[in-house]
Amino acid sequence: MALLKFLFIAIAILYIIRMLARLLLPVLFQNMVKKAQQQQNAGYQQAKRSEGSIRVDYAPKTKPQVPDTEGDFVEYEEIKEK
């Protein structure tokens, strides 16, 4: 008897969750699409305003330096066998 009661309650809860998902998920997706469109339009308008102007960011290229704690570089020669 307890098993039937548990199954009935579990099926009822799953059915309610399924119905709520059918109602709420489309609304959530519409909100996400609207946000994405607004961000896209904002980026497009910002790019359009800066048309005709040039901005150059100069970052000099530097070689990565090896810290002193890494040790010394030791050259080697290959030994060829006969």
N, C-alpha and C. Protein backbone atom coordinates (compact mmCIF):
# COMPACT_ATOMS: atom_id res chain seq x y z
N MET A 1 0.83 -1.19 0.00
CA MET A 1 0.00 0.00 0.00
C MET A 1 0.88 1.26 0.00
N ALA A 2 1.95 1.24 0.79
CA ALA A 2 2.84 2.40 0.86
C ALA A 2 3.55 2.60 -0.48
N LEU A 3 3.86 1.49 -1.15
CA LEU A 3 4.54 1.58 -2.44
C LEU A 3 3.63 2.25 -3.47
N LEU A 4 2.37 1.88 -3.48
CA LEU A 4 1.42 2.49 -4.43
C LEU A 4 1.24 3.98 -4.14
N LYS A 5 1.19 4.33 -2.85
CA LYS A 5 1.05 5.74 -2.47
C LYS A 5 2.28 6.53 -2.94
N PHE A 6 3.48 5.96 -2.72
CA PHE A 6 4.72 6.61 -3.15
C PHE A 6 4.74 6.80 -4.66
N LEU A 7 4.39 5.74 -5.41
CA LEU A 7 4.38 5.84 -6.87
C LEU A 7 3.38 6.88 -7.36
N PHE A 8 2.22 6.92 -6.75
CA PHE A 8 1.20 7.90 -7.15
C PHE A 8 1.70 9.33 -6.92
N ILE A 9 2.30 9.57 -5.75
CA ILE A 9 2.81 10.91 -5.44
C ILE A 9 3.96 11.27 -6.37
N ALA A 10 4.87 10.34 -6.64
CA ALA A 10 6.01 10.60 -7.52
C ALA A 10 5.54 10.91 -8.93
N ILE A 11 4.58 10.15 -9.43
CA ILE A 11 4.06 10.40 -10.78
C ILE A 11 3.35 11.74 -10.84
N ALA A 12 2.60 12.08 -9.80
CA ALA A 12 1.90 13.37 -9.76
C ALA A 12 2.89 14.53 -9.76
N ILE A 13 3.95 14.40 -8.96
CA ILE A 13 4.96 15.48 -8.90
C ILE A 13 5.66 15.62 -10.25
N LEU A 14 6.03 14.52 -10.88
CA LEU A 14 6.68 14.59 -12.19
C LEU A 14 5.76 15.21 -13.24
N TYR A 15 4.47 14.89 -13.18
CA TYR A 15 3.51 15.45 -14.12
C TYR A 15 3.38 16.96 -13.93
N ILE A 16 3.35 17.40 -12.66
CA ILE A 16 3.26 18.84 -12.38
C ILE A 16 4.52 19.55 -12.85
N ILE A 17 5.68 18.97 -12.61
CA ILE A 17 6.95 19.58 -13.06
C ILE A 17 6.97 19.67 -14.58
N ARG A 18 6.49 18.64 -15.23
CA ARG A 18 6.46 18.64 -16.70
C ARG A 18 5.55 19.76 -17.23
N MET A 19 4.40 19.94 -16.62
CA MET A 19 3.47 20.99 -17.06
C MET A 19 4.07 22.38 -16.81
N LEU A 20 4.70 22.56 -15.64
CA LEU A 20 5.32 23.85 -15.35
C LEU A 20 6.46 24.14 -16.31
N ALA A 21 7.22 23.13 -16.66
CA ALA A 21 8.33 23.32 -17.60
C ALA A 21 7.80 23.74 -18.96
N ARG A 22 6.70 23.16 -19.39
CA ARG A 22 6.12 23.55 -20.68
C ARG A 22 5.66 25.00 -20.67
N LEU A 23 5.25 25.50 -19.52
CA LEU A 23 4.79 26.88 -19.44
C LEU A 23 5.94 27.87 -19.24
N LEU A 24 6.91 27.50 -18.41
CA LEU A 24 7.96 28.46 -18.02
C LEU A 24 9.16 28.48 -18.94
N LEU A 25 9.55 27.36 -19.51
CA LEU A 25 10.75 27.33 -20.35
C LEU A 25 10.66 28.25 -21.57
N PRO A 26 9.54 28.30 -22.29
CA PRO A 26 9.48 29.24 -23.42
C PRO A 26 9.66 30.69 -22.99
N VAL A 27 9.13 31.05 -21.84
CA VAL A 27 9.29 32.42 -21.35
C VAL A 27 10.75 32.70 -21.03
N LEU A 28 11.42 31.74 -20.38
CA LEU A 28 12.83 31.92 -20.05
C LEU A 28 13.69 32.03 -21.30
N PHE A 29 13.40 31.20 -22.30
CA PHE A 29 14.17 31.26 -23.54
C PHE A 29 13.93 32.58 -24.29
N GLN A 30 12.70 33.08 -24.25
CA GLN A 30 12.42 34.36 -24.90
C GLN A 30 13.21 35.48 -24.23
N ASN A 31 13.29 35.45 -22.92
CA ASN A 31 14.07 36.47 -22.20
C ASN A 31 15.55 36.37 -22.56
N MET A 32 16.07 35.16 -22.67
CA MET A 32 17.48 34.99 -23.05
C MET A 32 17.73 35.50 -24.46
N VAL A 33 16.82 35.24 -25.37
CA VAL A 33 16.98 35.70 -26.76
C VAL A 33 16.92 37.22 -26.81
N LYS A 34 16.03 37.83 -26.06
CA LYS A 34 15.93 39.29 -26.04
C LYS A 34 17.21 39.92 -25.51
N LYS A 35 17.78 39.34 -24.44
CA LYS A 35 19.03 39.86 -23.89
C LYS A 35 20.15 39.76 -24.91
N ALA A 36 20.25 38.62 -25.58
CA ALA A 36 21.31 38.42 -26.58
C ALA A 36 21.15 39.40 -27.72
N GLN A 37 19.92 39.65 -28.15
CA GLN A 37 19.69 40.60 -29.23
C GLN A 37 20.06 42.01 -28.80
N GLN A 38 19.74 42.38 -27.56
CA GLN A 38 20.09 43.71 -27.07
C GLN A 38 21.61 43.88 -26.99
N GLN A 39 22.30 42.85 -26.53
CA GLN A 39 23.76 42.94 -26.48
C GLN A 39 24.36 43.04 -27.87
N GLN A 40 23.79 42.30 -28.81
CA GLN A 40 24.28 42.33 -30.18
C GLN A 40 24.05 43.72 -30.78
N ASN A 41 22.88 44.28 -30.56
CA ASN A 41 22.58 45.61 -31.09
C ASN A 41 23.46 46.67 -30.45
N ALA A 42 23.73 46.55 -29.17
CA ALA A 42 24.59 47.51 -28.49
C ALA A 42 26.01 47.45 -29.06
N GLY A 43 26.51 46.26 -29.31
CA GLY A 43 27.84 46.12 -29.90
C GLY A 43 27.89 46.67 -31.31
N TYR A 44 26.82 46.46 -32.07
CA TYR A 44 26.76 46.97 -33.43
C TYR A 44 26.72 48.49 -33.45
N GLN A 45 25.93 49.07 -32.54
CA GLN A 45 25.84 50.53 -32.49
C GLN A 45 27.16 51.14 -32.05
N GLN A 46 27.85 50.49 -31.13
CA GLN A 46 29.14 50.98 -30.67
C GLN A 46 30.16 50.92 -31.81
N ALA A 47 30.15 49.86 -32.59
CA ALA A 47 31.07 49.73 -33.71
C ALA A 47 30.73 50.76 -34.78
N LYS A 48 29.47 51.04 -34.96
CA LYS A 48 29.05 51.99 -35.99
C LYS A 48 29.48 53.41 -35.61
N ARG A 49 29.42 53.76 -34.33
CA ARG A 49 29.81 55.10 -33.89
C ARG A 49 31.29 55.35 -34.11
N SER A 50 32.09 54.30 -33.95
CA SER A 50 33.53 54.50 -34.07
C SER A 50 34.02 54.35 -35.51
N GLU A 51 33.11 54.33 -36.46
CA GLU A 51 33.51 54.18 -37.85
C GLU A 51 34.25 55.44 -38.32
N GLY A 52 35.35 55.26 -38.99
CA GLY A 52 36.12 56.38 -39.49
C GLY A 52 37.25 56.79 -38.56
N SER A 53 37.22 56.36 -37.34
CA SER A 53 38.31 56.69 -36.42
C SER A 53 39.23 55.49 -36.30
N ILE A 54 40.48 55.77 -36.07
CA ILE A 54 41.48 54.71 -35.98
C ILE A 54 42.09 54.76 -34.59
N ARG A 55 42.19 53.60 -33.99
CA ARG A 55 42.82 53.51 -32.68
C ARG A 55 43.85 52.39 -32.75
N VAL A 56 45.07 52.72 -32.38
CA VAL A 56 46.15 51.74 -32.42
C VAL A 56 46.68 51.56 -31.01
N ASP A 57 46.60 50.35 -30.52
CA ASP A 57 47.18 50.04 -29.22
C ASP A 57 48.53 49.39 -29.48
N TYR A 58 49.58 50.01 -29.00
CA TYR A 58 50.92 49.49 -29.23
C TYR A 58 51.37 48.71 -28.01
N ALA A 59 51.70 47.49 -28.24
CA ALA A 59 52.25 46.65 -27.18
C ALA A 59 53.55 46.06 -27.70
N PRO A 60 54.67 46.51 -27.20
CA PRO A 60 55.94 45.99 -27.71
C PRO A 60 56.07 44.51 -27.36
N LYS A 61 56.66 43.78 -28.30
CA LYS A 61 56.86 42.35 -28.08
C LYS A 61 58.14 42.16 -27.28
N THR A 62 58.02 41.47 -26.19
CA THR A 62 59.18 41.19 -25.36
C THR A 62 59.37 39.69 -25.27
N LYS A 63 60.61 39.30 -25.22
CA LYS A 63 60.92 37.88 -25.08
C LYS A 63 60.74 37.50 -23.61
N PRO A 64 60.16 36.35 -23.36
CA PRO A 64 60.02 35.93 -21.97
C PRO A 64 61.39 35.63 -21.38
N GLN A 65 61.63 36.15 -20.21
CA GLN A 65 62.92 35.94 -19.57
C GLN A 65 62.83 34.74 -18.63
N VAL A 66 63.90 33.98 -18.59
CA VAL A 66 63.96 32.82 -17.72
C VAL A 66 64.41 33.29 -16.35
N PRO A 67 63.66 32.96 -15.32
CA PRO A 67 64.08 33.40 -13.98
C PRO A 67 65.39 32.75 -13.56
N ASP A 68 66.09 33.39 -12.66
CA ASP A 68 67.38 32.89 -12.19
C ASP A 68 67.25 31.56 -11.46
N THR A 69 66.09 31.26 -10.98
CA THR A 69 65.90 30.02 -10.22
C THR A 69 65.80 28.80 -11.12
N GLU A 70 65.75 28.99 -12.42
CA GLU A 70 65.58 27.88 -13.35
C GLU A 70 66.89 27.14 -13.61
N GLY A 71 68.03 27.70 -13.33
CA GLY A 71 69.30 27.03 -13.55
C GLY A 71 70.01 27.55 -14.77
N ASP A 72 71.15 26.92 -15.09
CA ASP A 72 71.98 27.36 -16.20
C ASP A 72 71.71 26.51 -17.43
N PHE A 73 71.96 27.11 -18.58
CA PHE A 73 71.83 26.40 -19.85
C PHE A 73 73.18 25.75 -20.15
N VAL A 74 73.16 24.46 -20.46
CA VAL A 74 74.38 23.73 -20.75
C VAL A 74 74.32 23.27 -22.19
N GLU A 75 75.33 23.68 -22.99
CA GLU A 75 75.37 23.26 -24.38
C GLU A 75 75.87 21.83 -24.45
N TYR A 76 75.49 21.13 -25.48
CA TYR A 76 75.94 19.76 -25.65
C TYR A 76 76.24 19.50 -27.11
N GLU A 77 77.01 18.46 -27.34
CA GLU A 77 77.30 18.04 -28.70
C GLU A 77 76.76 16.65 -28.91
N GLU A 78 76.26 16.40 -30.11
CA GLU A 78 75.76 15.07 -30.39
C GLU A 78 76.92 14.13 -30.64
N ILE A 79 76.82 12.93 -30.16
CA ILE A 79 77.85 11.91 -30.38
C ILE A 79 77.30 10.92 -31.37
N LYS A 80 78.00 10.79 -32.51
CA LYS A 80 77.55 9.88 -33.54
C LYS A 80 78.26 8.54 -33.37
N GLU A 81 77.47 7.49 -33.46
CA GLU A 81 78.07 6.17 -33.33
C GLU A 81 78.48 5.67 -34.70
N LYS A 82 79.51 4.85 -34.75
CA LYS A 82 80.02 4.32 -36.02
C LYS A 82 79.29 3.09 -36.43
